[in-house]
Amino acid sequence: MCTAKLGADHPYTITISCDLARVLTVAGRSEDAHPLAAQVLPTAVRVLGDANTHPTTARTRSYLAELRS
C-alpha cells in the first residue's frame, strides 16, 4: 500500500519495508524476509544514504546479514 501511494523511493516506504523484514524474521519467516531486505537495501542506500549516515539503511543491512548467517 505504501509503495502504491508513495512510491518505492519514499523514505516511509523504505522504513516500513525494513521494519516488515524484521517482523518477518522474528516471526520465523526468513524465507519471506530475505528477499524483501535484499530488495529494499539498494533503494535505502540510494535514497537515504549508506549505513554510516542513516539508521534505516544500517538496520536493513544488519537484518540482511543476520538472514544470511
PDB file of N, CA and C in Angstrom:
ATOM      1  N   MET A   1       0.814  -1.186   0.000  1.00  0.00           N
ATOM      2  CA  MET A   1       0.000   0.000   0.000  1.00  0.00           C
ATOM      3  C   MET A   1       0.864   1.259   0.000  1.00  0.00           C
ATOM      4  N   CYS A   2       1.915   1.280   0.795  1.00  0.00           N
ATOM      5  CA  CYS A   2       2.812   2.437   0.801  1.00  0.00           C
ATOM      6  C   CYS A   2       3.438   2.633  -0.568  1.00  0.00           C
ATOM      7  N   THR A   3       3.882   1.548  -1.161  1.00  0.00           N
ATOM      8  CA  THR A   3       4.520   1.651  -2.468  1.00  0.00           C
ATOM      9  C   THR A   3       3.553   2.218  -3.492  1.00  0.00           C
ATOM     10  N   ALA A   4       2.311   1.781  -3.464  1.00  0.00           N
ATOM     11  CA  ALA A   4       1.317   2.265  -4.427  1.00  0.00           C
ATOM     12  C   ALA A   4       1.012   3.745  -4.225  1.00  0.00           C
ATOM     13  N   LYS A   5       0.945   4.183  -2.974  1.00  0.00           N
ATOM     14  CA  LYS A   5       0.588   5.581  -2.699  1.00  0.00           C
ATOM     15  C   LYS A   5       1.782   6.519  -2.762  1.00  0.00           C
ATOM     16  N   LEU A   6       2.905   6.095  -2.199  1.00  0.00           N
ATOM     17  CA  LEU A   6       4.049   6.992  -2.049  1.00  0.00           C
ATOM     18  C   LEU A   6       5.184   6.713  -3.025  1.00  0.00           C
ATOM     19  N   GLY A   7       5.245   5.492  -3.535  1.00  0.00           N
ATOM     20  CA  GLY A   7       6.336   5.098  -4.419  1.00  0.00           C
ATOM     21  C   GLY A   7       7.424   4.374  -3.644  1.00  0.00           C
ATOM     22  N   ALA A   8       8.186   3.567  -4.349  1.00  0.00           N
ATOM     23  CA  ALA A   8       9.227   2.741  -3.728  1.00  0.00           C
ATOM     24  C   ALA A   8      10.360   3.562  -3.133  1.00  0.00           C
ATOM     25  N   ASP A   9      10.565   4.772  -3.635  1.00  0.00           N
ATOM     26  CA  ASP A   9      11.682   5.597  -3.172  1.00  0.00           C
ATOM     27  C   ASP A   9      11.330   6.525  -2.011  1.00  0.00           C
ATOM     28  N   HIS A  10      10.110   6.491  -1.538  1.00  0.00           N
ATOM     29  CA  HIS A  10       9.731   7.370  -0.429  1.00  0.00           C
ATOM     30  C   HIS A  10      10.349   6.837   0.870  1.00  0.00           C
ATOM     31  N   PRO A  11      10.895   7.715   1.704  1.00  0.00           N
ATOM     32  CA  PRO A  11      11.504   7.261   2.959  1.00  0.00           C
ATOM     33  C   PRO A  11      10.570   6.434   3.845  1.00  0.00           C
ATOM     34  N   TYR A  12       9.281   6.758   3.889  1.00  0.00           N
ATOM     35  CA  TYR A  12       8.342   5.958   4.685  1.00  0.00           C
ATOM     36  C   TYR A  12       8.229   4.544   4.135  1.00  0.00           C
ATOM     37  N   THR A  13       8.171   4.409   2.827  1.00  0.00           N
ATOM     38  CA  THR A  13       8.081   3.085   2.206  1.00  0.00           C
ATOM     39  C   THR A  13       9.317   2.263   2.539  1.00  0.00           C
ATOM     40  N   ILE A  14      10.476   2.889   2.453  1.00  0.00           N
ATOM     41  CA  ILE A  14      11.733   2.198   2.750  1.00  0.00           C
ATOM     42  C   ILE A  14      11.754   1.746   4.208  1.00  0.00           C
ATOM     43  N   THR A  15      11.394   2.638   5.111  1.00  0.00           N
ATOM     44  CA  THR A  15      11.400   2.319   6.538  1.00  0.00           C
ATOM     45  C   THR A  15      10.410   1.207   6.865  1.00  0.00           C
ATOM     46  N   ILE A  16       9.217   1.284   6.324  1.00  0.00           N
ATOM     47  CA  ILE A  16       8.206   0.254   6.583  1.00  0.00           C
ATOM     48  C   ILE A  16       8.651  -1.095   6.018  1.00  0.00           C
ATOM     49  N   SER A  17       9.266  -1.096   4.850  1.00  0.00           N
ATOM     50  CA  SER A  17       9.756  -2.347   4.261  1.00  0.00           C
ATOM     51  C   SER A  17      10.850  -2.953   5.125  1.00  0.00           C
ATOM     52  N   CYS A  18      11.737  -2.110   5.631  1.00  0.00           N
ATOM     53  CA  CYS A  18      12.797  -2.577   6.527  1.00  0.00           C
ATOM     54  C   CYS A  18      12.195  -3.177   7.794  1.00  0.00           C
ATOM     55  N   ASP A  19      11.240  -2.473   8.376  1.00  0.00           N
ATOM     56  CA  ASP A  19      10.593  -2.965   9.596  1.00  0.00           C
ATOM     57  C   ASP A  19       9.833  -4.266   9.342  1.00  0.00           C
ATOM     58  N   LEU A  20       9.186  -4.367   8.202  1.00  0.00           N
ATOM     59  CA  LEU A  20       8.467  -5.593   7.859  1.00  0.00           C
ATOM     60  C   LEU A  20       9.435  -6.765   7.722  1.00  0.00           C
ATOM     61  N   ALA A  21      10.596  -6.531   7.134  1.00  0.00           N
ATOM     62  CA  ALA A  21      11.597  -7.596   7.022  1.00  0.00           C
ATOM     63  C   ALA A  21      11.994  -8.096   8.408  1.00  0.00           C
ATOM     64  N   ARG A  22      12.129  -7.181   9.348  1.00  0.00           N
ATOM     65  CA  ARG A  22      12.490  -7.574  10.711  1.00  0.00           C
ATOM     66  C   ARG A  22      11.360  -8.364  11.375  1.00  0.00           C
ATOM     67  N   VAL A  23      10.140  -7.907  11.221  1.00  0.00           N
ATOM     68  CA  VAL A  23       8.986  -8.603  11.799  1.00  0.00           C
ATOM     69  C   VAL A  23       8.884 -10.014  11.225  1.00  0.00           C
ATOM     70  N   LEU A  24       9.079 -10.140   9.929  1.00  0.00           N
ATOM     71  CA  LEU A  24       9.031 -11.462   9.301  1.00  0.00           C
ATOM     72  C   LEU A  24      10.125 -12.367   9.854  1.00  0.00           C
ATOM     73  N   THR A  25      11.306 -11.802  10.090  1.00  0.00           N
ATOM     74  CA  THR A  25      12.413 -12.579  10.649  1.00  0.00           C
ATOM     75  C   THR A  25      12.062 -13.083  12.043  1.00  0.00           C
ATOM     76  N   VAL A  26      11.575 -12.189  12.880  1.00  0.00           N
ATOM     77  CA  VAL A  26      11.211 -12.555  14.253  1.00  0.00           C
ATOM     78  C   VAL A  26      10.085 -13.590  14.260  1.00  0.00           C
ATOM     79  N   ALA A  27       9.202 -13.505  13.286  1.00  0.00           N
ATOM     80  CA  ALA A  27       8.085 -14.449  13.183  1.00  0.00           C
ATOM     81  C   ALA A  27       8.507 -15.789  12.588  1.00  0.00           C
ATOM     82  N   GLY A  28       9.794 -15.932  12.292  1.00  0.00           N
ATOM     83  CA  GLY A  28      10.279 -17.194  11.741  1.00  0.00           C
ATOM     84  C   GLY A  28      10.048 -17.348  10.256  1.00  0.00           C
ATOM     85  N   ARG A  29       9.814 -16.256   9.578  1.00  0.00           N
ATOM     86  CA  ARG A  29       9.544 -16.304   8.134  1.00  0.00           C
ATOM     87  C   ARG A  29      10.721 -15.716   7.352  1.00  0.00           C
ATOM     88  N   SER A  30      11.891 -16.252   7.615  1.00  0.00           N
ATOM     89  CA  SER A  30      13.109 -15.770   6.961  1.00  0.00           C
ATOM     90  C   SER A  30      13.035 -15.876   5.449  1.00  0.00           C
ATOM     91  N   GLU A  31      12.325 -16.886   4.959  1.00  0.00           N
ATOM     92  CA  GLU A  31      12.221 -17.064   3.508  1.00  0.00           C
ATOM     93  C   GLU A  31      11.466 -15.906   2.862  1.00  0.00           C
ATOM     94  N   ASP A  32      10.630 -15.221   3.602  1.00  0.00           N
ATOM     95  CA  ASP A  32       9.942 -14.029   3.099  1.00  0.00           C
ATOM     96  C   ASP A  32      10.732 -12.758   3.400  1.00  0.00           C
ATOM     97  N   ALA A  33      11.419 -12.749   4.526  1.00  0.00           N
ATOM     98  CA  ALA A  33      12.166 -11.563   4.950  1.00  0.00           C
ATOM     99  C   ALA A  33      13.381 -11.301   4.068  1.00  0.00           C
ATOM    100  N   HIS A  34      14.097 -12.349   3.696  1.00  0.00           N
ATOM    101  CA  HIS A  34      15.339 -12.181   2.937  1.00  0.00           C
ATOM    102  C   HIS A  34      15.134 -11.439   1.623  1.00  0.00           C
ATOM    103  N   PRO A  35      14.204 -11.860   0.761  1.00  0.00           N
ATOM    104  CA  PRO A  35      14.034 -11.133  -0.498  1.00  0.00           C
ATOM    105  C   PRO A  35      13.600  -9.681  -0.291  1.00  0.00           C
ATOM    106  N   LEU A  36      12.797  -9.434   0.736  1.00  0.00           N
ATOM    107  CA  LEU A  36      12.354  -8.067   0.999  1.00  0.00           C
ATOM    108  C   LEU A  36      13.531  -7.193   1.422  1.00  0.00           C
ATOM    109  N   ALA A  37      14.340  -7.678   2.347  1.00  0.00           N
ATOM    110  CA  ALA A  37      15.511  -6.915   2.794  1.00  0.00           C
ATOM    111  C   ALA A  37      16.492  -6.715   1.644  1.00  0.00           C
ATOM    112  N   ALA A  38      16.701  -7.757   0.847  1.00  0.00           N
ATOM    113  CA  ALA A  38      17.614  -7.647  -0.293  1.00  0.00           C
ATOM    114  C   ALA A  38      17.105  -6.649  -1.323  1.00  0.00           C
ATOM    115  N   GLN A  39      15.806  -6.558  -1.467  1.00  0.00           N
ATOM    116  CA  GLN A  39      15.219  -5.624  -2.432  1.00  0.00           C
ATOM    117  C   GLN A  39      15.293  -4.184  -1.936  1.00  0.00           C
ATOM    118  N   VAL A  40      15.050  -3.975  -0.650  1.00  0.00           N
ATOM    119  CA  VAL A  40      14.971  -2.607  -0.130  1.00  0.00           C
ATOM    120  C   VAL A  40      16.352  -1.994   0.139  1.00  0.00           C
ATOM    121  N   LEU A  41      17.371  -2.806   0.385  1.00  0.00           N
ATOM    122  CA  LEU A  41      18.685  -2.257   0.730  1.00  0.00           C
ATOM    123  C   LEU A  41      19.259  -1.329  -0.334  1.00  0.00           C
ATOM    124  N   PRO A  42      19.307  -1.708  -1.608  1.00  0.00           N
ATOM    125  CA  PRO A  42      19.862  -0.779  -2.602  1.00  0.00           C
ATOM    126  C   PRO A  42      19.084   0.537  -2.686  1.00  0.00           C
ATOM    127  N   THR A  43      17.780   0.455  -2.517  1.00  0.00           N
ATOM    128  CA  THR A  43      16.965   1.675  -2.536  1.00  0.00           C
ATOM    129  C   THR A  43      17.284   2.532  -1.321  1.00  0.00           C
ATOM    130  N   ALA A  44      17.430   1.905  -0.163  1.00  0.00           N
ATOM    131  CA  ALA A  44      17.769   2.648   1.053  1.00  0.00           C
ATOM    132  C   ALA A  44      19.109   3.356   0.903  1.00  0.00           C
ATOM    133  N   VAL A  45      20.092   2.671   0.366  1.00  0.00           N
ATOM    134  CA  VAL A  45      21.412   3.284   0.168  1.00  0.00           C
ATOM    135  C   VAL A  45      21.311   4.461  -0.788  1.00  0.00           C
ATOM    136  N   ARG A  46      20.600   4.277  -1.872  1.00  0.00           N
ATOM    137  CA  ARG A  46      20.492   5.329  -2.892  1.00  0.00           C
ATOM    138  C   ARG A  46      19.714   6.539  -2.383  1.00  0.00           C
ATOM    139  N   VAL A  47      18.614   6.292  -1.684  1.00  0.00           N
ATOM    140  CA  VAL A  47      17.726   7.387  -1.279  1.00  0.00           C
ATOM    141  C   VAL A  47      18.135   7.992   0.067  1.00  0.00           C
ATOM    142  N   LEU A  48      18.453   7.146   1.035  1.00  0.00           N
ATOM    143  CA  LEU A  48      18.701   7.621   2.395  1.00  0.00           C
ATOM    144  C   LEU A  48      20.171   7.836   2.711  1.00  0.00           C
ATOM    145  N   GLY A  49      21.030   7.134   2.005  1.00  0.00           N
ATOM    146  CA  GLY A  49      22.463   7.205   2.294  1.00  0.00           C
ATOM    147  C   GLY A  49      22.943   5.867   2.821  1.00  0.00           C
ATOM    148  N   ASP A  50      24.259   5.754   2.963  1.00  0.00           N
ATOM    149  CA  ASP A  50      24.818   4.468   3.380  1.00  0.00           C
ATOM    150  C   ASP A  50      24.576   4.222   4.872  1.00  0.00           C
ATOM    151  N   ALA A  51      25.025   3.075   5.327  1.00  0.00           N
ATOM    152  CA  ALA A  51      24.761   2.648   6.702  1.00  0.00           C
ATOM    153  C   ALA A  51      25.420   3.551   7.733  1.00  0.00           C
ATOM    154  N   ASN A  52      26.440   4.294   7.335  1.00  0.00           N
ATOM    155  CA  ASN A  52      27.096   5.203   8.271  1.00  0.00           C
ATOM    156  C   ASN A  52      26.315   6.495   8.463  1.00  0.00           C
ATOM    157  N   THR A  53      25.396   6.797   7.546  1.00  0.00           N
ATOM    158  CA  THR A  53      24.694   8.074   7.627  1.00  0.00           C
ATOM    159  C   THR A  53      23.209   7.952   7.932  1.00  0.00           C
ATOM    160  N   HIS A  54      22.620   6.782   7.759  1.00  0.00           N
ATOM    161  CA  HIS A  54      21.180   6.671   8.020  1.00  0.00           C
ATOM    162  C   HIS A  54      20.859   5.382   8.771  1.00  0.00           C
ATOM    163  N   PRO A  55      20.120   5.486   9.876  1.00  0.00           N
ATOM    164  CA  PRO A  55      19.820   4.303  10.681  1.00  0.00           C
ATOM    165  C   PRO A  55      18.970   3.249   9.982  1.00  0.00           C
ATOM    166  N   THR A  56      18.076   3.650   9.101  1.00  0.00           N
ATOM    167  CA  THR A  56      17.255   2.654   8.395  1.00  0.00           C
ATOM    168  C   THR A  56      18.122   1.802   7.485  1.00  0.00           C
ATOM    169  N   THR A  57      19.074   2.429   6.808  1.00  0.00           N
ATOM    170  CA  THR A  57      19.994   1.671   5.957  1.00  0.00           C
ATOM    171  C   THR A  57      20.823   0.718   6.809  1.00  0.00           C
ATOM    172  N   ALA A  58      21.291   1.198   7.946  1.00  0.00           N
ATOM    173  CA  ALA A  58      22.086   0.351   8.840  1.00  0.00           C
ATOM    174  C   ALA A  58      21.266  -0.843   9.335  1.00  0.00           C
ATOM    175  N   ARG A  59      20.015  -0.601   9.724  1.00  0.00           N
ATOM    176  CA  ARG A  59      19.153  -1.697  10.190  1.00  0.00           C
ATOM    177  C   ARG A  59      18.904  -2.716   9.082  1.00  0.00           C
ATOM    178  N   THR A  60      18.627  -2.228   7.890  1.00  0.00           N
ATOM    179  CA  THR A  60      18.354  -3.140   6.779  1.00  0.00           C
ATOM    180  C   THR A  60      19.576  -3.991   6.478  1.00  0.00           C
ATOM    181  N   ARG A  61      20.741  -3.365   6.464  1.00  0.00           N
ATOM    182  CA  ARG A  61      21.988  -4.106   6.214  1.00  0.00           C
ATOM    183  C   ARG A  61      22.209  -5.153   7.307  1.00  0.00           C
ATOM    184  N   SER A  62      21.930  -4.780   8.545  1.00  0.00           N
ATOM    185  CA  SER A  62      22.091  -5.700   9.669  1.00  0.00           C
ATOM    186  C   SER A  62      21.130  -6.884   9.564  1.00  0.00           C
ATOM    187  N   TYR A  63      19.874  -6.618   9.250  1.00  0.00           N
ATOM    188  CA  TYR A  63      18.891  -7.693   9.101  1.00  0.00           C
ATOM    189  C   TYR A  63      19.296  -8.650   7.982  1.00  0.00           C
ATOM    190  N   LEU A  64      19.763  -8.090   6.885  1.00  0.00           N
ATOM    191  CA  LEU A  64      20.158  -8.927   5.753  1.00  0.00           C
ATOM    192  C   LEU A  64      21.353  -9.801   6.125  1.00  0.00           C
ATOM    193  N   ALA A  65      22.319  -9.237   6.836  1.00  0.00           N
ATOM    194  CA  ALA A  65      23.474 -10.020   7.285  1.00  0.00           C
ATOM    195  C   ALA A  65      23.032 -11.137   8.231  1.00  0.00           C
ATOM    196  N   GLU A  66      22.098 -10.828   9.104  1.00  0.00           N
ATOM    197  CA  GLU A  66      21.565 -11.828  10.031  1.00  0.00           C
ATOM    198  C   GLU A  66      20.870 -12.958   9.275  1.00  0.00           C
ATOM    199  N   LEU A  67      20.141 -12.611   8.244  1.00  0.00           N
ATOM    200  CA  LEU A  67      19.434 -13.621   7.453  1.00  0.00           C
ATOM    201  C   LEU A  67      20.394 -14.507   6.673  1.00  0.00           C
ATOM    202  N   ARG A  68      21.517 -13.951   6.288  1.00  0.00           N
ATOM    203  CA  ARG A  68      22.499 -14.718   5.507  1.00  0.00           C
ATOM    204  C   ARG A  68      23.321 -15.655   6.368  1.00  0.00           C
ATOM    205  N   SER A  69      23.367 -15.392   7.682  1.00  0.00           N
ATOM    206  CA  SER A  69      24.215 -16.211   8.558  1.00  0.00           C
ATOM    207  C   SER A  69      23.514 -17.461   9.042  1.00  0.00           C
TER     208      SER A  69
END
